[in-house]
Amino acid sequence: IRGNIFYCDPQTPSQKPHVENNHNYIRDILPNGLDLSFLTQDKLNLMFSHINSYVRASNKNKTPYELTVEIFGEEFMNAIGIKKIDKKDVCLKPSLIRTIKK
């Protein structure tokens, strides 16, 4: 098996609460109505590095980054371009990716 696909019924957020929470973090950085044409892979990697380095009470105060490294290893995170961001440096605001010029 190379991967799994999971199906959720439309308009049923109870089937996907963790995905919906990530959507809220994405929208904190990329508000609705924003033209996304300026996004690059580097900016997306940075955005998801910050989102995945944000401590979650639901994860027993661990970050998604830490949990993923426990299961798949740091090499996996490096391969997909996601880096660990120090807790004090995590930014979930639009300024995070607007300041990068690439």
Protein backbone atom coordinates (compact mmCIF):
# COMPACT_ATOMS: atom_id res chain seq x y z
CA ILE A 1 0.00 0.00 0.00
CA ARG A 2 1.44 3.36 -1.01
CA GLY A 3 -1.21 5.47 0.67
CA ASN A 4 -4.69 5.61 2.09
CA ILE A 5 -7.64 7.72 1.04
CA PHE A 6 -10.32 8.58 3.56
CA TYR A 7 -13.79 9.73 2.60
CA CYS A 8 -15.92 12.24 4.53
CA ASP A 9 -19.53 13.03 3.73
CA PRO A 10 -20.12 16.59 2.47
CA GLN A 11 -21.40 19.05 5.07
CA THR A 12 -20.43 16.68 7.92
CA PRO A 13 -17.67 18.46 9.84
CA SER A 14 -17.97 15.98 12.73
CA GLN A 15 -16.18 13.43 10.52
CA LYS A 16 -13.14 15.64 10.09
CA PRO A 17 -12.59 17.86 13.15
CA HIS A 18 -8.78 17.91 12.95
CA VAL A 19 -8.80 18.88 9.28
CA GLU A 20 -11.24 21.68 10.04
CA ASN A 21 -8.94 22.96 12.81
CA ASN A 22 -6.03 23.10 10.37
CA HIS A 23 -8.25 25.00 7.95
CA ASN A 24 -8.75 27.64 10.65
CA TYR A 25 -4.96 28.03 11.05
CA ILE A 26 -4.56 28.32 7.29
CA ARG A 27 -7.24 31.03 7.19
CA ASP A 28 -5.47 32.93 9.99
CA ILE A 29 -2.51 33.25 7.61
CA LEU A 30 -4.42 33.36 4.30
CA PRO A 31 -7.72 35.20 4.88
CA ASN A 32 -10.71 34.48 2.63
CA GLY A 33 -10.75 36.58 -0.53
CA LEU A 34 -6.96 36.90 -0.70
CA ASP A 35 -5.43 36.48 -4.15
CA LEU A 36 -3.22 33.40 -3.78
CA SER A 37 -1.19 33.91 -6.95
CA PHE A 38 1.81 35.12 -4.91
CA LEU A 39 2.17 31.74 -3.16
CA THR A 40 5.20 29.59 -3.90
CA GLN A 41 6.11 26.14 -2.63
CA ASP A 42 8.64 27.76 -0.28
CA LYS A 43 5.94 29.98 1.21
CA LEU A 44 3.56 27.03 1.62
CA ASN A 45 6.31 24.98 3.29
CA LEU A 46 6.99 27.85 5.67
CA MET A 47 3.29 28.26 6.44
CA PHE A 48 2.82 24.55 7.16
CA SER A 49 6.05 24.46 9.17
CA HIS A 50 4.56 27.11 11.48
CA ILE A 51 1.13 25.46 11.62
CA ASN A 52 2.67 22.08 12.41
CA SER A 53 4.94 23.60 15.07
CA TYR A 54 2.01 25.10 16.99
CA VAL A 55 1.45 23.29 20.30
CA ARG A 56 -2.00 21.67 20.54
CA ALA A 57 -3.69 20.83 23.84
CA SER A 58 -5.55 18.08 21.95
CA ASN A 59 -2.16 16.44 21.29
CA LYS A 60 -1.17 16.48 24.98
CA ASN A 61 0.74 19.73 24.38
CA LYS A 62 2.78 18.30 21.54
CA THR A 63 2.99 19.72 18.07
CA PRO A 64 1.86 17.88 14.94
CA TYR A 65 5.50 18.11 13.84
CA GLU A 66 6.66 16.21 16.94
CA LEU A 67 3.98 13.54 16.55
CA THR A 68 4.84 13.03 12.90
CA VAL A 69 8.56 12.73 13.65
CA GLU A 70 7.77 10.09 16.29
CA ILE A 71 6.00 7.98 13.67
CA PHE A 72 7.84 8.68 10.41
CA GLY A 73 11.16 10.23 11.46
CA GLU A 74 12.75 13.58 10.78
CA GLU A 75 13.93 12.45 7.34
CA PHE A 76 10.30 12.31 6.24
CA MET A 77 9.64 15.89 7.35
CA ASN A 78 12.79 17.04 5.57
CA ALA A 79 11.69 15.22 2.42
CA ILE A 80 8.35 17.05 2.35
CA GLY A 81 9.94 20.42 3.18
CA ILE A 82 8.49 20.91 6.67
CA LYS A 83 10.83 22.24 9.35
CA LYS A 84 10.48 22.55 13.12
CA ILE A 85 9.88 26.12 14.26
CA ASP A 86 10.74 27.02 17.85
CA LYS A 87 7.58 27.59 19.96
CA LYS A 88 8.44 31.23 20.62
CA ASP A 89 8.89 31.91 16.90
CA VAL A 90 5.62 30.39 15.62
CA CYS A 91 3.58 32.97 13.69
CA LEU A 92 0.05 32.34 12.45
CA LYS A 93 -0.56 35.77 10.92
CA PRO A 94 -0.65 36.99 7.31
CA SER A 95 2.66 38.78 7.86
CA LEU A 96 4.37 35.37 7.97
CA ILE A 97 4.35 34.85 4.20
CA ARG A 98 3.77 38.37 2.94
CA THR A 99 7.28 39.41 3.98
CA ILE A 100 9.09 36.69 2.02
CA LYS A 101 10.22 37.74 -1.42
CA LYS A 102 10.87 34.73 -3.68
